[in-house]
Amino acid sequence: MNLYYLAASAATEAPVNEFGFMKAMEEGGPVAWSILAVMVIMSVGSFYILFTKYFEQAKVMRQYKGVQTAFWRTASLKEGATKLEKNSAWRQLADDAVTAQDHHSKMEGAANEIHFVEEELAHSQNTINQSLSGGLSFLASVGATAPFIGLLGTVIGIYRALINIGIEGSASIDKVAGPVGEALIMTAIGLLVAVPAVLAFNWLQSRNRRIDALMTDFSNNIVAYIGSNGVVKPAVAGPAKKPAAKPAPAAKK
């Protein structure tokens, strides 16, 4: 009977190993919490840049429809610029083209005139590209550094776990597996932060290249238009015409 009670009391007094994310953060201390805060900031910043840049790019692509439908239907570049949305990339290119057209007549020689217009449009296009690329370097930095920041948290966690194991004087699997496994959580968090940032960076870069190709085509058309004194310009499809109504058949007498 006494043996039964002794076994029962020993079972109740057996130490209970607590595992989990919060336990791992408590074991890591201020360093672990600081690393987690840095990765949370990185993740929030990455998604903020992803959504803001996506909407900015979508707006630019939507405004390009105005170039195709309204800009080239006008009689001059100055009139066409007024048809474009204000503070848009396409309006900036058109306004710079109008300015270049006003000044290119002061150049001597047709080659110098066209070269001046090309340089002005190239400068304007580079400015727009820099604006569209703003923030993408942050995504690249997050994708490159987040795994290593998570690894730093893991190294610190394992270091603390080994110190605690040495203090307790026990290296059994139940003493080692828990703390080491919890420390690896930081590496997993680092990967979860880095992978979306890398994917977002590549996707936004591909969309920027598409916009840059559209701007290059638009600039080339403007150069051709100015160089030919308005003779050469892209063909714009007119609105679809409704088929003429057939005359009603004459009534038989």
Protein backbone atom coordinates (compact mmCIF):
# COMPACT_ATOMS: atom_id res chain seq x y z
CA MET A 1 0.00 0.00 0.00
CA ASN A 2 2.84 2.36 0.94
CA LEU A 3 4.58 1.51 -2.33
CA TYR A 4 1.41 2.48 -4.22
CA TYR A 5 1.28 5.91 -2.58
CA LEU A 6 5.01 6.46 -3.13
CA ALA A 7 4.64 5.70 -6.84
CA ALA A 8 1.63 7.97 -7.10
CA SER A 9 3.39 10.86 -5.37
CA ALA A 10 6.46 10.40 -7.58
CA ALA A 11 4.25 10.56 -10.68
CA THR A 12 2.61 13.77 -9.54
CA GLU A 13 5.93 15.38 -8.72
CA ALA A 14 7.54 14.46 -12.06
CA PRO A 15 8.65 17.60 -13.98
CA VAL A 16 6.50 18.60 -16.90
CA ASN A 17 8.31 19.85 -20.00
CA GLU A 18 6.58 22.90 -21.50
CA PHE A 19 7.02 23.47 -25.20
CA GLY A 20 5.59 25.99 -27.67
CA PHE A 21 6.28 29.28 -29.35
CA MET A 22 5.75 31.48 -26.31
CA LYS A 23 7.97 29.22 -24.21
CA ALA A 24 10.69 29.48 -26.86
CA MET A 25 10.44 33.28 -26.86
CA GLU A 26 10.61 33.39 -23.08
CA GLU A 27 13.71 31.21 -23.16
CA GLY A 28 15.26 33.43 -25.84
CA GLY A 29 14.74 36.57 -23.79
CA PRO A 30 15.01 40.15 -25.12
CA VAL A 31 17.23 39.09 -28.02
CA ALA A 32 14.61 36.67 -29.35
CA TRP A 33 11.84 39.24 -28.96
CA SER A 34 13.95 41.86 -30.76
CA ILE A 35 14.64 39.51 -33.67
CA LEU A 36 10.94 38.63 -33.90
CA ALA A 37 10.02 42.34 -33.93
CA VAL A 38 12.49 42.99 -36.77
CA MET A 39 11.02 40.17 -38.85
CA VAL A 40 7.45 41.35 -38.19
CA ILE A 41 8.43 44.83 -39.43
CA MET A 42 10.05 43.26 -42.50
CA SER A 43 6.94 41.21 -43.26
CA VAL A 44 4.52 44.12 -42.83
CA GLY A 45 6.74 46.38 -44.94
CA SER A 46 6.99 43.76 -47.69
CA PHE A 47 3.23 43.33 -47.99
CA TYR A 48 2.70 47.09 -47.85
CA ILE A 49 5.08 47.62 -50.76
CA LEU A 50 3.54 44.70 -52.66
CA PHE A 51 0.02 46.12 -52.55
CA THR A 52 0.93 49.79 -53.07
CA LYS A 53 3.17 49.01 -56.05
CA TYR A 54 0.58 46.67 -57.53
CA PHE A 55 -2.11 49.35 -57.47
CA GLU A 56 0.35 51.93 -58.84
CA GLN A 57 1.30 49.65 -61.73
CA ALA A 58 -2.33 48.75 -62.41
CA LYS A 59 -3.17 52.46 -62.62
CA VAL A 60 -0.37 53.11 -65.12
CA MET A 61 -1.48 50.20 -67.31
CA ARG A 62 -5.08 51.36 -67.16
CA GLN A 63 -4.08 54.90 -68.17
CA TYR A 64 -2.30 53.49 -71.22
CA LYS A 65 -5.71 52.86 -72.77
CA GLY A 66 -6.13 56.63 -72.97
CA VAL A 67 -2.97 56.81 -75.06
CA GLN A 68 -4.35 54.27 -77.49
CA THR A 69 -7.84 55.75 -77.77
CA ALA A 70 -7.56 59.52 -77.22
CA PHE A 71 -3.99 60.77 -77.58
CA TRP A 72 -3.31 59.82 -81.19
CA ARG A 73 -6.73 61.01 -82.39
CA THR A 74 -5.81 64.66 -81.84
CA ALA A 75 -4.23 67.03 -84.34
CA SER A 76 -1.12 67.90 -82.27
CA LEU A 77 0.94 66.67 -79.35
CA LYS A 78 -0.11 69.61 -77.20
CA GLU A 79 -3.78 68.85 -77.75
CA GLY A 80 -3.15 65.15 -77.19
CA ALA A 81 -1.43 65.82 -73.86
CA THR A 82 -4.56 67.52 -72.56
CA LYS A 83 -6.50 64.30 -73.22
CA LEU A 84 -4.32 62.32 -70.81
CA GLU A 85 -4.82 62.05 -67.07
CA LYS A 86 -2.96 64.65 -65.03
CA ASN A 87 0.01 63.51 -62.90
CA SER A 88 0.27 60.28 -64.87
CA ALA A 89 3.37 58.73 -66.41
CA TRP A 90 1.95 59.14 -69.92
CA ARG A 91 1.07 62.81 -69.31
CA GLN A 92 4.63 63.41 -68.13
CA LEU A 93 6.05 61.86 -71.29
CA ALA A 94 3.64 63.81 -73.47
CA ASP A 95 4.39 67.13 -71.71
CA ASP A 96 8.13 66.55 -72.03
CA ALA A 97 7.61 65.73 -75.70
CA VAL A 98 5.72 69.00 -76.20
CA THR A 99 8.53 70.90 -74.50
CA ALA A 100 11.11 69.14 -76.64
CA GLN A 101 9.09 69.90 -79.75
CA ASP A 102 9.00 73.60 -78.84
CA HIS A 103 12.79 73.68 -78.49
CA HIS A 104 13.94 71.26 -81.15
CA SER A 105 13.48 73.82 -83.92
CA LYS A 106 16.34 75.80 -82.36
CA MET A 107 18.74 72.96 -83.13
CA GLU A 108 20.73 73.00 -86.34
CA GLY A 109 20.15 69.95 -88.48
CA ALA A 110 17.42 67.34 -88.41
CA ALA A 111 19.70 64.77 -86.76
CA ASN A 112 20.38 67.10 -83.83
CA GLU A 113 16.68 67.86 -83.47
CA ILE A 114 15.68 64.20 -83.24
CA HIS A 115 18.57 63.40 -80.94
CA PHE A 116 17.46 66.17 -78.57
CA VAL A 117 13.90 64.82 -78.47
CA GLU A 118 15.12 61.28 -77.88
CA GLU A 119 17.35 62.39 -75.00
CA GLU A 120 14.53 64.33 -73.36
CA LEU A 121 12.11 61.40 -73.58
CA ALA A 122 14.75 58.94 -72.36
CA HIS A 123 15.42 61.14 -69.33
CA SER A 124 11.70 61.38 -68.60
CA GLN A 125 11.29 57.61 -68.97
CA ASN A 126 14.17 56.93 -66.59
CA THR A 127 12.59 59.22 -64.00
CA ILE A 128 9.31 57.31 -64.23
CA ASN A 129 11.08 53.96 -63.98
CA GLN A 130 12.89 55.08 -60.84
CA SER A 131 9.57 56.06 -59.30
CA LEU A 132 7.99 52.71 -60.18
CA SER A 133 11.02 50.85 -58.78
CA GLY A 134 10.91 52.68 -55.46
CA GLY A 135 10.61 50.25 -52.57
CA LEU A 136 11.64 47.18 -54.54
CA SER A 137 15.13 47.34 -53.04
CA PHE A 138 13.49 46.84 -49.64
CA LEU A 139 11.89 43.62 -50.90
CA ALA A 140 15.25 42.44 -52.22
CA SER A 141 16.92 43.23 -48.90
CA VAL A 142 14.24 41.37 -46.95
CA GLY A 143 14.53 38.33 -49.20
CA ALA A 144 18.30 38.28 -48.78
CA THR A 145 18.59 38.95 -45.05
CA ALA A 146 15.46 37.53 -43.36
CA PRO A 147 16.69 33.88 -43.40
CA PHE A 148 19.96 34.93 -41.77
CA ILE A 149 18.19 37.00 -39.12
CA GLY A 150 16.03 33.97 -38.34
CA LEU A 151 19.16 31.83 -38.24
CA LEU A 152 20.69 34.24 -35.74
CA GLY A 153 17.67 33.73 -33.51
CA THR A 154 18.07 29.97 -33.85
CA VAL A 155 21.76 30.09 -32.93
CA ILE A 156 21.02 32.18 -29.86
CA GLY A 157 18.16 29.85 -28.89
CA ILE A 158 20.31 26.75 -29.21
CA TYR A 159 23.09 28.44 -27.24
CA ARG A 160 20.72 29.21 -24.37
CA ALA A 161 19.24 25.69 -24.52
CA LEU A 162 22.68 24.11 -24.26
CA ILE A 163 23.57 26.32 -21.29
CA ASN A 164 20.38 25.27 -19.49
CA ILE A 165 21.07 21.61 -20.26
CA GLY A 166 24.58 21.98 -18.88
CA ILE A 167 23.26 23.61 -15.71
CA GLU A 168 20.70 20.84 -15.16
CA GLY A 169 23.36 18.21 -15.83
CA SER A 170 21.10 16.12 -18.05
CA ALA A 171 21.58 15.51 -21.78
CA SER A 172 18.72 13.09 -22.33
CA ILE A 173 16.66 13.35 -25.51
CA ASP A 174 13.68 14.87 -23.69
CA LYS A 175 15.93 17.64 -22.39
CA VAL A 176 17.58 18.36 -25.75
CA ALA A 177 14.81 17.90 -28.33
CA GLY A 178 12.39 20.48 -26.89
CA PRO A 179 14.66 23.52 -26.53
CA VAL A 180 16.52 22.86 -29.79
CA GLY A 181 13.27 22.30 -31.70
CA GLU A 182 11.84 25.54 -30.32
CA ALA A 183 14.96 27.43 -31.37
CA LEU A 184 14.45 26.29 -34.96
CA ILE A 185 11.15 28.18 -35.03
CA MET A 186 13.10 31.38 -35.65
CA THR A 187 14.61 29.95 -38.83
CA ALA A 188 11.14 28.96 -40.04
CA ILE A 189 9.86 32.50 -39.38
CA GLY A 190 12.80 33.93 -41.32
CA LEU A 191 11.92 31.77 -44.33
CA LEU A 192 8.24 32.71 -44.09
CA VAL A 193 9.25 36.37 -44.27
CA ALA A 194 11.84 35.96 -47.05
CA VAL A 195 9.94 33.78 -49.55
CA PRO A 196 6.96 36.16 -50.10
CA ALA A 197 9.36 39.10 -50.39
CA VAL A 198 11.39 37.38 -53.12
CA LEU A 199 8.27 36.34 -55.04
CA ALA A 200 6.81 39.84 -54.79
CA PHE A 201 10.08 41.41 -55.96
CA ASN A 202 10.30 39.21 -59.08
CA TRP A 203 6.62 39.70 -59.94
CA LEU A 204 6.69 43.48 -59.57
CA GLN A 205 9.93 43.66 -61.56
CA SER A 206 8.33 41.77 -64.45
CA ARG A 207 5.38 44.19 -64.44
CA ASN A 208 7.78 47.15 -64.41
CA ARG A 209 9.55 45.72 -67.46
CA ARG A 210 6.19 45.48 -69.22
CA ILE A 211 5.42 49.13 -68.43
CA ASP A 212 8.90 50.17 -69.56
CA ALA A 213 8.32 48.42 -72.89
CA LEU A 214 5.04 50.31 -73.34
CA MET A 215 6.73 53.63 -72.54
CA THR A 216 9.54 52.87 -74.99
CA ASP A 217 7.00 52.17 -77.73
CA PHE A 218 5.14 55.39 -76.88
CA SER A 219 8.37 57.42 -76.93
CA ASN A 220 9.42 55.95 -80.28
CA ASN A 221 6.04 56.85 -81.77
CA ILE A 222 6.39 60.42 -80.51
CA VAL A 223 9.89 60.72 -81.99
CA ALA A 224 8.59 59.46 -85.34
CA TYR A 225 5.67 61.88 -85.15
CA ILE A 226 7.91 64.89 -84.46
CA GLY A 227 10.54 63.83 -87.00
CA SER A 228 7.94 63.53 -89.74
CA ASN A 229 6.11 66.75 -88.79
CA GLY A 230 2.99 64.84 -87.80
CA VAL A 231 2.82 62.60 -90.85
CA VAL A 232 3.84 59.34 -89.15
CA LYS A 233 1.77 58.23 -86.19
CA PRO A 234 0.25 54.96 -85.01
CA ALA A 235 -2.94 53.79 -86.61
CA VAL A 236 -5.81 54.07 -84.16
CA ALA A 237 -8.75 51.80 -84.61
CA GLY A 238 -11.96 53.74 -84.79
CA PRO A 239 -15.11 52.85 -82.93
CA ALA A 240 -17.00 49.91 -84.29
CA LYS A 241 -19.60 51.02 -86.81
CA LYS A 242 -23.10 49.66 -86.61
CA PRO A 243 -24.30 47.97 -89.78
CA ALA A 244 -26.64 50.12 -91.80
CA ALA A 245 -30.26 49.19 -91.45
CA LYS A 246 -31.69 47.45 -94.46
CA PRO A 247 -34.51 49.33 -96.18
CA ALA A 248 -37.91 47.88 -95.60
CA PRO A 249 -39.25 45.95 -98.58
CA ALA A 250 -41.78 47.80 -100.66
CA ALA A 251 -45.36 46.80 -99.99
CA LYS A 252 -46.95 44.78 -102.77
CA LYS A 253 -49.94 46.27 -104.41
